[in-house]
């Protein structure tokens, strides 16, 4: 499954919010520096979908606020 994720870094809480079937908003408390926000986004989505974080892949938008993410169900 592929989803679009808008990331808000430096937020006051870590949160995954489903907007519709393919669009999500993810808030992370870490800054968007040195891949820290991306790592946290992967962890939060893995927890949300109840899968290992290795099954969450950023396909596009590695350095952007809006990312295309693949969720691999094994």
PDB file of N, CA and C in Angstrom:
ATOM      1  N   UNK A   1       0.846  -1.168   0.000  1.00  0.00           N
ATOM      2  CA  UNK A   1       0.000   0.000   0.000  1.00  0.00           C
ATOM      3  C   UNK A   1       0.894   1.235   0.000  1.00  0.00           C
ATOM      4  N   UNK A   2       0.493   2.234  -0.776  1.00  0.00           N
ATOM      5  CA  UNK A   2       1.227   3.498  -0.814  1.00  0.00           C
ATOM      6  C   UNK A   2       0.342   4.595  -0.237  1.00  0.00           C
ATOM      7  N   UNK A   3       0.970   5.444   0.593  1.00  0.00           N
ATOM      8  CA  UNK A   3       0.230   6.534   1.219  1.00  0.00           C
ATOM      9  C   UNK A   3       1.017   7.832   1.079  1.00  0.00           C
ATOM     10  N   UNK A   4       0.311   8.944   1.129  1.00  0.00           N
ATOM     11  CA  UNK A   4       0.930  10.270   1.155  1.00  0.00           C
ATOM     12  C   UNK A   4       0.942  10.744   2.595  1.00  0.00           C
ATOM     13  N   UNK A   5       2.081  11.253   3.029  1.00  0.00           N
ATOM     14  CA  UNK A   5       2.228  11.672   4.419  1.00  0.00           C
ATOM     15  C   UNK A   5       2.768  13.101   4.462  1.00  0.00           C
ATOM     16  N   UNK A   6       2.056  13.966   5.162  1.00  0.00           N
ATOM     17  CA  UNK A   6       2.559  15.311   5.436  1.00  0.00           C
ATOM     18  C   UNK A   6       3.185  15.268   6.819  1.00  0.00           C
ATOM     19  N   UNK A   7       4.455  15.643   6.894  1.00  0.00           N
ATOM     20  CA  UNK A   7       5.203  15.574   8.148  1.00  0.00           C
ATOM     21  C   UNK A   7       5.330  16.961   8.754  1.00  0.00           C
ATOM     22  N   UNK A   8       5.041  17.044  10.050  1.00  0.00           N
ATOM     23  CA  UNK A   8       5.227  18.286  10.791  1.00  0.00           C
ATOM     24  C   UNK A   8       6.261  17.999  11.877  1.00  0.00           C
ATOM     25  N   UNK A   9       7.466  18.521  11.669  1.00  0.00           N
ATOM     26  CA  UNK A   9       8.565  18.313  12.616  1.00  0.00           C
ATOM     27  C   UNK A   9       8.494  19.347  13.734  1.00  0.00           C
ATOM     28  N   UNK A  10       9.229  19.091  14.814  1.00  0.00           N
ATOM     29  CA  UNK A  10       9.269  19.980  15.981  1.00  0.00           C
ATOM     30  C   UNK A  10       7.887  20.219  16.577  1.00  0.00           C
ATOM     31  N   UNK A  11       7.048  19.215  16.533  1.00  0.00           N
ATOM     32  CA  UNK A  11       5.706  19.328  17.093  1.00  0.00           C
ATOM     33  C   UNK A  11       5.763  19.095  18.606  1.00  0.00           C
ATOM     34  N   UNK A  12       4.663  19.353  19.267  1.00  0.00           N
ATOM     35  CA  UNK A  12       4.630  19.156  20.719  1.00  0.00           C
ATOM     36  C   UNK A  12       4.363  17.697  21.100  1.00  0.00           C
ATOM     37  N   UNK A  13       3.931  16.878  20.123  1.00  0.00           N
ATOM     38  CA  UNK A  13       3.633  15.474  20.404  1.00  0.00           C
ATOM     39  C   UNK A  13       3.885  14.628  19.167  1.00  0.00           C
ATOM     40  N   UNK A  14       4.084  13.335  19.366  1.00  0.00           N
ATOM     41  CA  UNK A  14       4.180  12.385  18.266  1.00  0.00           C
ATOM     42  C   UNK A  14       2.776  11.860  17.997  1.00  0.00           C
ATOM     43  N   UNK A  15       2.328  11.981  16.736  1.00  0.00           N
ATOM     44  CA  UNK A  15       0.945  11.658  16.419  1.00  0.00           C
ATOM     45  C   UNK A  15       0.805  11.258  14.957  1.00  0.00           C
ATOM     46  N   UNK A  16       0.010  10.223  14.688  1.00  0.00           N
ATOM     47  CA  UNK A  16      -0.364   9.840  13.327  1.00  0.00           C
ATOM     48  C   UNK A  16      -1.850  10.113  13.182  1.00  0.00           C
ATOM     49  N   UNK A  17      -2.202  10.918  12.186  1.00  0.00           N
ATOM     50  CA  UNK A  17      -3.596  11.281  11.956  1.00  0.00           C
ATOM     51  C   UNK A  17      -3.987  10.866  10.544  1.00  0.00           C
ATOM     52  N   UNK A  18      -5.007  10.020  10.427  1.00  0.00           N
ATOM     53  CA  UNK A  18      -5.496   9.579   9.123  1.00  0.00           C
ATOM     54  C   UNK A  18      -6.482  10.609   8.599  1.00  0.00           C
ATOM     55  N   UNK A  19      -6.189  11.178   7.425  1.00  0.00           N
ATOM     56  CA  UNK A  19      -7.070  12.178   6.837  1.00  0.00           C
ATOM     57  C   UNK A  19      -8.110  11.528   5.931  1.00  0.00           C
ATOM     58  N   UNK A  20      -7.676  10.561   5.120  1.00  0.00           N
ATOM     59  CA  UNK A  20      -8.571   9.727   4.311  1.00  0.00           C
ATOM     60  C   UNK A  20      -7.830   8.435   3.994  1.00  0.00           C
ATOM     61  N   UNK A  21      -8.280   7.678   3.008  1.00  0.00           N
ATOM     62  CA  UNK A  21      -7.705   6.354   2.753  1.00  0.00           C
ATOM     63  C   UNK A  21      -6.213   6.374   2.439  1.00  0.00           C
ATOM     64  N   UNK A  22      -5.723   7.416   1.751  1.00  0.00           N
ATOM     65  CA  UNK A  22      -4.307   7.423   1.360  1.00  0.00           C
ATOM     66  C   UNK A  22      -3.529   8.632   1.880  1.00  0.00           C
ATOM     67  N   UNK A  23      -4.156   9.507   2.599  1.00  0.00           N
ATOM     68  CA  UNK A  23      -3.486  10.711   3.103  1.00  0.00           C
ATOM     69  C   UNK A  23      -3.438  10.714   4.622  1.00  0.00           C
ATOM     70  N   UNK A  24      -2.236  10.959   5.130  1.00  0.00           N
ATOM     71  CA  UNK A  24      -1.999  10.979   6.571  1.00  0.00           C
ATOM     72  C   UNK A  24      -1.218  12.233   6.939  1.00  0.00           C
ATOM     73  N   UNK A  25      -1.359  12.638   8.196  1.00  0.00           N
ATOM     74  CA  UNK A  25      -0.531  13.703   8.759  1.00  0.00           C
ATOM     75  C   UNK A  25       0.207  13.088   9.938  1.00  0.00           C
ATOM     76  N   UNK A  26       1.527  13.274   9.971  1.00  0.00           N
ATOM     77  CA  UNK A  26       2.337  12.727  11.064  1.00  0.00           C
ATOM     78  C   UNK A  26       3.080  13.877  11.727  1.00  0.00           C
ATOM     79  N   UNK A  27       2.875  14.021  13.025  1.00  0.00           N
ATOM     80  CA  UNK A  27       3.583  15.028  13.807  1.00  0.00           C
ATOM     81  C   UNK A  27       4.672  14.323  14.610  1.00  0.00           C
ATOM     82  N   UNK A  28       5.879  14.895  14.575  1.00  0.00           N
ATOM     83  CA  UNK A  28       7.003  14.335  15.331  1.00  0.00           C
ATOM     84  C   UNK A  28       7.647  15.430  16.168  1.00  0.00           C
ATOM     85  N   UNK A  29       8.191  15.046  17.308  1.00  0.00           N
ATOM     86  CA  UNK A  29       8.790  16.024  18.220  1.00  0.00           C
ATOM     87  C   UNK A  29      10.232  16.344  17.860  1.00  0.00           C
ATOM     88  N   UNK A  30      10.839  15.556  16.992  1.00  0.00           N
ATOM     89  CA  UNK A  30      12.244  15.767  16.637  1.00  0.00           C
ATOM     90  C   UNK A  30      12.363  16.733  15.459  1.00  0.00           C
ATOM     91  N   UNK A  31      13.507  17.402  15.305  1.00  0.00           N
ATOM     92  CA  UNK A  31      13.692  18.310  14.178  1.00  0.00           C
ATOM     93  C   UNK A  31      13.973  17.544  12.885  1.00  0.00           C
ATOM     94  N   UNK A  32      13.753  18.207  11.780  1.00  0.00           N
ATOM     95  CA  UNK A  32      14.011  17.613  10.462  1.00  0.00           C
ATOM     96  C   UNK A  32      15.482  17.823  10.094  1.00  0.00           C
ATOM     97  N   UNK A  33      16.362  17.216  10.857  1.00  0.00           N
ATOM     98  CA  UNK A  33      17.793  17.329  10.629  1.00  0.00           C
ATOM     99  C   UNK A  33      18.418  15.954  10.674  1.00  0.00           C
ATOM    100  N   UNK A  34      19.324  15.700   9.740  1.00  0.00           N
ATOM    101  CA  UNK A  34      20.107  14.464   9.714  1.00  0.00           C
ATOM    102  C   UNK A  34      19.233  13.213   9.715  1.00  0.00           C
ATOM    103  N   UNK A  35      18.046  13.275   9.120  1.00  0.00           N
ATOM    104  CA  UNK A  35      17.183  12.116   8.989  1.00  0.00           C
ATOM    105  C   UNK A  35      16.437  11.709  10.248  1.00  0.00           C
ATOM    106  N   UNK A  36      16.534  12.521  11.294  1.00  0.00           N
ATOM    107  CA  UNK A  36      15.872  12.151  12.553  1.00  0.00           C
ATOM    108  C   UNK A  36      14.355  12.126  12.429  1.00  0.00           C
ATOM    109  N   UNK A  37      13.784  13.108  11.720  1.00  0.00           N
ATOM    110  CA  UNK A  37      12.329  13.142  11.557  1.00  0.00           C
ATOM    111  C   UNK A  37      11.861  11.961  10.710  1.00  0.00           C
ATOM    112  N   UNK A  38      12.588  11.633   9.660  1.00  0.00           N
ATOM    113  CA  UNK A  38      12.217  10.490   8.824  1.00  0.00           C
ATOM    114  C   UNK A  38      12.243   9.196   9.618  1.00  0.00           C
ATOM    115  N   UNK A  39      13.241   9.038  10.447  1.00  0.00           N
ATOM    116  CA  UNK A  39      13.333   7.826  11.270  1.00  0.00           C
ATOM    117  C   UNK A  39      12.126   7.732  12.207  1.00  0.00           C
ATOM    118  N   UNK A  40      11.774   8.846  12.824  1.00  0.00           N
ATOM    119  CA  UNK A  40      10.631   8.858  13.750  1.00  0.00           C
ATOM    120  C   UNK A  40       9.323   8.611  13.004  1.00  0.00           C
ATOM    121  N   UNK A  41       9.191   9.169  11.802  1.00  0.00           N
ATOM    122  CA  UNK A  41       7.989   8.943  10.984  1.00  0.00           C
ATOM    123  C   UNK A  41       7.841   7.454  10.693  1.00  0.00           C
ATOM    124  N   UNK A  42       8.939   6.806  10.313  1.00  0.00           N
ATOM    125  CA  UNK A  42       8.903   5.364  10.034  1.00  0.00           C
ATOM    126  C   UNK A  42       8.493   4.580  11.282  1.00  0.00           C
ATOM    127  N   UNK A  43       9.033   4.950  12.435  1.00  0.00           N
ATOM    128  CA  UNK A  43       8.688   4.266  13.687  1.00  0.00           C
ATOM    129  C   UNK A  43       7.204   4.437  14.029  1.00  0.00           C
ATOM    130  N   UNK A  44       6.698   5.658  13.901  1.00  0.00           N
ATOM    131  CA  UNK A  44       5.301   5.927  14.243  1.00  0.00           C
ATOM    132  C   UNK A  44       4.338   5.222  13.299  1.00  0.00           C
ATOM    133  N   UNK A  45       4.657   5.227  11.993  1.00  0.00           N
ATOM    134  CA  UNK A  45       3.793   4.539  11.038  1.00  0.00           C
ATOM    135  C   UNK A  45       3.830   3.029  11.253  1.00  0.00           C
ATOM    136  N   UNK A  46       4.998   2.502  11.585  1.00  0.00           N
ATOM    137  CA  UNK A  46       5.107   1.067  11.862  1.00  0.00           C
ATOM    138  C   UNK A  46       4.232   0.697  13.059  1.00  0.00           C
ATOM    139  N   UNK A  47       4.267   1.507  14.084  1.00  0.00           N
ATOM    140  CA  UNK A  47       3.438   1.261  15.268  1.00  0.00           C
ATOM    141  C   UNK A  47       1.950   1.381  14.909  1.00  0.00           C
ATOM    142  N   UNK A  48       1.611   2.401  14.103  1.00  0.00           N
ATOM    143  CA  UNK A  48       0.221   2.627  13.703  1.00  0.00           C
ATOM    144  C   UNK A  48      -0.332   1.437  12.913  1.00  0.00           C
ATOM    145  N   UNK A  49       0.461   0.889  11.987  1.00  0.00           N
ATOM    146  CA  UNK A  49       0.019  -0.226  11.147  1.00  0.00           C
ATOM    147  C   UNK A  49       0.369  -1.586  11.744  1.00  0.00           C
ATOM    148  N   UNK A  50       1.006  -1.593  12.916  1.00  0.00           N
ATOM    149  CA  UNK A  50       1.370  -2.823  13.616  1.00  0.00           C
ATOM    150  C   UNK A  50       2.262  -3.728  12.761  1.00  0.00           C
ATOM    151  N   UNK A  51       3.331  -3.119  12.210  1.00  0.00           N
ATOM    152  CA  UNK A  51       4.306  -3.836  11.388  1.00  0.00           C
ATOM    153  C   UNK A  51       5.703  -3.418  11.829  1.00  0.00           C
ATOM    154  N   UNK A  52       6.743  -4.162  11.442  1.00  0.00           N
ATOM    155  CA  UNK A  52       8.109  -3.732  11.753  1.00  0.00           C
ATOM    156  C   UNK A  52       8.473  -2.463  10.974  1.00  0.00           C
ATOM    157  N   UNK A  53       9.313  -1.620  11.537  1.00  0.00           N
ATOM    158  CA  UNK A  53       9.681  -0.363  10.862  1.00  0.00           C
ATOM    159  C   UNK A  53      10.429  -0.613   9.557  1.00  0.00           C
ATOM    160  N   UNK A  54      11.043  -1.787   9.390  1.00  0.00           N
ATOM    161  CA  UNK A  54      11.719  -2.090   8.127  1.00  0.00           C
ATOM    162  C   UNK A  54      10.724  -2.243   6.974  1.00  0.00           C
ATOM    163  N   UNK A  55       9.433  -2.383   7.283  1.00  0.00           N
ATOM    164  CA  UNK A  55       8.397  -2.506   6.262  1.00  0.00           C
ATOM    165  C   UNK A  55       7.781  -1.161   5.881  1.00  0.00           C
ATOM    166  N   UNK A  56       8.366  -0.070   6.356  1.00  0.00           N
ATOM    167  CA  UNK A  56       7.920   1.276   6.009  1.00  0.00           C
ATOM    168  C   UNK A  56       9.042   1.920   5.197  1.00  0.00           C
ATOM    169  N   UNK A  57       8.764   2.173   3.908  1.00  0.00           N
ATOM    170  CA  UNK A  57       9.783   2.702   3.005  1.00  0.00           C
ATOM    171  C   UNK A  57       9.375   4.063   2.462  1.00  0.00           C
ATOM    172  N   UNK A  58      10.296   5.013   2.500  1.00  0.00           N
ATOM    173  CA  UNK A  58      10.057   6.328   1.908  1.00  0.00           C
ATOM    174  C   UNK A  58      10.455   6.239   0.440  1.00  0.00           C
ATOM    175  N   UNK A  59       9.462   6.335  -0.456  1.00  0.00           N
ATOM    176  CA  UNK A  59       9.708   6.214  -1.887  1.00  0.00           C
ATOM    177  C   UNK A  59      10.083   7.557  -2.517  1.00  0.00           C
ATOM    178  N   UNK A  60       9.479   8.633  -2.026  1.00  0.00           N
ATOM    179  CA  UNK A  60       9.747   9.967  -2.566  1.00  0.00           C
ATOM    180  C   UNK A  60       9.552  10.989  -1.453  1.00  0.00           C
ATOM    181  N   UNK A  61      10.308  12.084  -1.541  1.00  0.00           N
ATOM    182  CA  UNK A  61      10.165  13.155  -0.560  1.00  0.00           C
ATOM    183  C   UNK A  61      11.046  13.002   0.657  1.00  0.00           C
ATOM    184  N   UNK A  62      12.173  12.356   0.498  1.00  0.00           N
ATOM    185  CA  UNK A  62      13.099  12.137   1.615  1.00  0.00           C
ATOM    186  C   UNK A  62      13.422  13.449   2.342  1.00  0.00           C
ATOM    187  N   UNK A  63      13.544  14.541   1.597  1.00  0.00           N
ATOM    188  CA  UNK A  63      13.879  15.843   2.189  1.00  0.00           C
ATOM    189  C   UNK A  63      12.738  16.842   2.100  1.00  0.00           C
ATOM    190  N   UNK A  64      11.513  16.350   1.883  1.00  0.00           N
ATOM    191  CA  UNK A  64      10.348  17.234   1.741  1.00  0.00           C
ATOM    192  C   UNK A  64       9.367  16.991   2.883  1.00  0.00           C
ATOM    193  N   UNK A  65       8.446  17.917   3.056  1.00  0.00           N
ATOM    194  CA  UNK A  65       7.419  17.764   4.093  1.00  0.00           C
ATOM    195  C   UNK A  65       6.374  16.737   3.692  1.00  0.00           C
ATOM    196  N   UNK A  66       6.117  16.618   2.400  1.00  0.00           N
ATOM    197  CA  UNK A  66       5.152  15.641   1.901  1.00  0.00           C
ATOM    198  C   UNK A  66       5.915  14.472   1.299  1.00  0.00           C
ATOM    199  N   UNK A  67       5.617  13.274   1.772  1.00  0.00           N
ATOM    200  CA  UNK A  67       6.346  12.084   1.359  1.00  0.00           C
ATOM    201  C   UNK A  67       5.398  11.035   0.805  1.00  0.00           C
ATOM    202  N   UNK A  68       5.910  10.242  -0.132  1.00  0.00           N
ATOM    203  CA  UNK A  68       5.212   9.071  -0.617  1.00  0.00           C
ATOM    204  C   UNK A  68       5.833   7.882   0.090  1.00  0.00           C
ATOM    205  N   UNK A  69       5.005   7.165   0.834  1.00  0.00           N
ATOM    206  CA  UNK A  69       5.517   6.073   1.668  1.00  0.00           C
ATOM    207  C   UNK A  69       4.820   4.783   1.298  1.00  0.00           C
ATOM    208  N   UNK A  70       5.624   3.723   1.235  1.00  0.00           N
ATOM    209  CA  UNK A  70       5.102   2.388   0.955  1.00  0.00           C
ATOM    210  C   UNK A  70       5.039   1.606   2.261  1.00  0.00           C
ATOM    211  N   UNK A  71       3.881   1.012   2.512  1.00  0.00           N
ATOM    212  CA  UNK A  71       3.676   0.149   3.672  1.00  0.00           C
ATOM    213  C   UNK A  71       3.641  -1.282   3.141  1.00  0.00           C
ATOM    214  N   UNK A  72       4.609  -2.091   3.551  1.00  0.00           N
ATOM    215  CA  UNK A  72       4.700  -3.476   3.078  1.00  0.00           C
ATOM    216  C   UNK A  72       4.153  -4.397   4.163  1.00  0.00           C
ATOM    217  N   UNK A  73       3.057  -5.084   3.845  1.00  0.00           N
ATOM    218  CA  UNK A  73       2.496  -6.056   4.780  1.00  0.00           C
ATOM    219  C   UNK A  73       3.077  -7.410   4.446  1.00  0.00           C
ATOM    220  N   UNK A  74       3.768  -8.006   5.428  1.00  0.00           N
ATOM    221  CA  UNK A  74       4.395  -9.293   5.137  1.00  0.00           C
ATOM    222  C   UNK A  74       3.509 -10.453   5.462  1.00  0.00           C
TER     223      UNK A  74
END
